[in-house]
Each structure stands twice: as C-alpha cells, then as structure tokens.
Amino acid sequence: MGAVVSCIQSAFRTVGRTIMAVIRGIGGILMAIINGIVSFLDIIVGFLTCQYCGSRRGRARRHTSGGGFGRRRHHTTTTSTI
C-alpha cells in the first residue's frame, strides 16, 4: 500500500514541476517581450527629445574614442637630422 501512495505522490510532484516549468517559460517570454518594448520606446523618446540627434553632449559622446570631452587629438611626429 505504501508503494502505491509513494508512486502517486511522485506522479503529482512530476506534474506540478512540469506545470511550474511551463509557467516560468511563459514568464520569461513575457519579460523578453516587455523588455524589448521598453527599449524600443526608450529609443523613440530619445529621438523625440533630441537625446541622440541635436544636443552637444550627445555629439560629444558619439565622437569620442576615449579621453577628452569631444576634442580630437592630433598626433604630430618630429624628425631630427643627425
């Protein structure tokens, strides 16, 4: 009798874990969709408020390659004659 109860408990546990895995999968898919929509709206709002297109700070951020605040560095070389 104990083996039958144990088998039924195991079957219910397996069904419960399967249902929870499906629910977690659906939740992950919904989170990915919501994050994508939020990122898209962030880009749209950024363009509408000139975050990316017209401000000086935006241009300085895009054109810098590390160091400085938008200034371009010019490297000069000197040669000496011996």
Protein backbone atom coordinates (compact mmCIF):
# COMPACT_ATOMS: atom_id res chain seq x y z
CA MET A 1 0.00 0.00 0.00
CA GLY A 2 2.85 2.39 0.83
CA ALA A 3 4.41 1.86 -2.60
CA VAL A 4 1.19 2.87 -4.34
CA VAL A 5 0.91 6.09 -2.30
CA SER A 6 4.57 6.89 -2.97
CA CYS A 7 4.05 6.34 -6.71
CA ILE A 8 1.00 8.62 -6.76
CA GLN A 9 2.87 11.32 -4.81
CA SER A 10 5.75 11.10 -7.25
CA ALA A 11 3.38 11.43 -10.21
CA PHE A 12 1.73 14.52 -8.68
CA ARG A 13 5.14 16.03 -7.91
CA THR A 14 6.21 15.50 -11.52
CA VAL A 15 3.03 17.07 -12.87
CA GLY A 16 3.47 20.05 -10.52
CA ARG A 17 7.08 20.58 -11.58
CA THR A 18 6.09 20.38 -15.24
CA ILE A 19 3.36 22.99 -14.79
CA MET A 20 5.78 25.29 -12.93
CA ALA A 21 8.37 24.91 -15.71
CA VAL A 22 5.76 25.92 -18.29
CA ILE A 23 4.72 28.93 -16.19
CA ARG A 24 8.36 30.01 -15.77
CA GLY A 25 8.89 29.68 -19.52
CA ILE A 26 5.85 31.83 -20.28
CA GLY A 27 7.05 34.38 -17.73
CA GLY A 28 10.49 34.51 -19.36
CA ILE A 29 8.96 35.03 -22.80
CA LEU A 30 6.71 37.82 -21.49
CA MET A 31 9.66 39.51 -19.77
CA ALA A 32 11.68 39.42 -23.00
CA ILE A 33 8.80 40.95 -24.96
CA ILE A 34 8.24 43.67 -22.35
CA ASN A 35 11.97 44.50 -22.20
CA GLY A 36 12.03 44.80 -25.98
CA ILE A 37 9.05 47.15 -25.99
CA VAL A 38 10.59 49.28 -23.23
CA SER A 39 13.90 49.52 -25.11
CA PHE A 40 12.10 50.49 -28.31
CA LEU A 41 10.10 53.19 -26.53
CA ASP A 42 13.29 54.46 -24.89
CA ILE A 43 14.86 54.93 -28.32
CA ILE A 44 11.75 56.71 -29.65
CA VAL A 45 11.62 59.07 -26.66
CA GLY A 46 15.35 59.69 -27.01
CA PHE A 47 14.93 60.78 -30.62
CA LEU A 48 11.90 62.93 -29.85
CA THR A 49 13.76 64.75 -27.06
CA CYS A 50 16.92 65.12 -29.17
CA GLN A 51 18.90 62.96 -26.82
CA TYR A 52 20.62 61.35 -29.80
CA CYS A 53 20.34 63.93 -32.55
CA GLY A 54 20.80 67.56 -31.55
CA SER A 55 22.43 68.13 -28.20
CA ARG A 56 26.10 68.93 -27.82
CA ARG A 57 26.53 66.28 -25.16
CA GLY A 58 25.12 63.61 -27.46
CA ARG A 59 27.53 64.54 -30.22
CA ALA A 60 30.47 64.63 -27.84
CA ARG A 61 29.64 61.18 -26.56
CA ARG A 62 29.37 59.68 -30.02
CA HIS A 63 32.59 61.10 -31.42
CA THR A 64 34.96 60.49 -28.55
CA SER A 65 37.17 57.50 -28.74
CA GLY A 66 38.24 57.63 -25.14
CA GLY A 67 39.54 60.58 -23.18
CA GLY A 68 38.67 64.22 -23.61
CA PHE A 69 35.29 65.84 -23.98
CA GLY A 70 34.73 65.77 -27.70
CA ARG A 71 38.14 67.18 -28.59
CA ARG A 72 40.00 65.46 -31.33
CA ARG A 73 43.60 64.63 -30.69
CA HIS A 74 46.16 65.36 -33.37
CA HIS A 75 49.35 63.41 -33.19
CA THR A 76 52.43 65.03 -34.65
CA THR A 77 55.77 63.44 -35.26
CA THR A 78 59.08 65.23 -35.34
CA THR A 79 62.15 64.11 -37.17
CA SER A 80 65.63 65.19 -36.44
CA THR A 81 68.58 65.17 -38.75
CA ILE A 82 71.86 63.91 -37.45
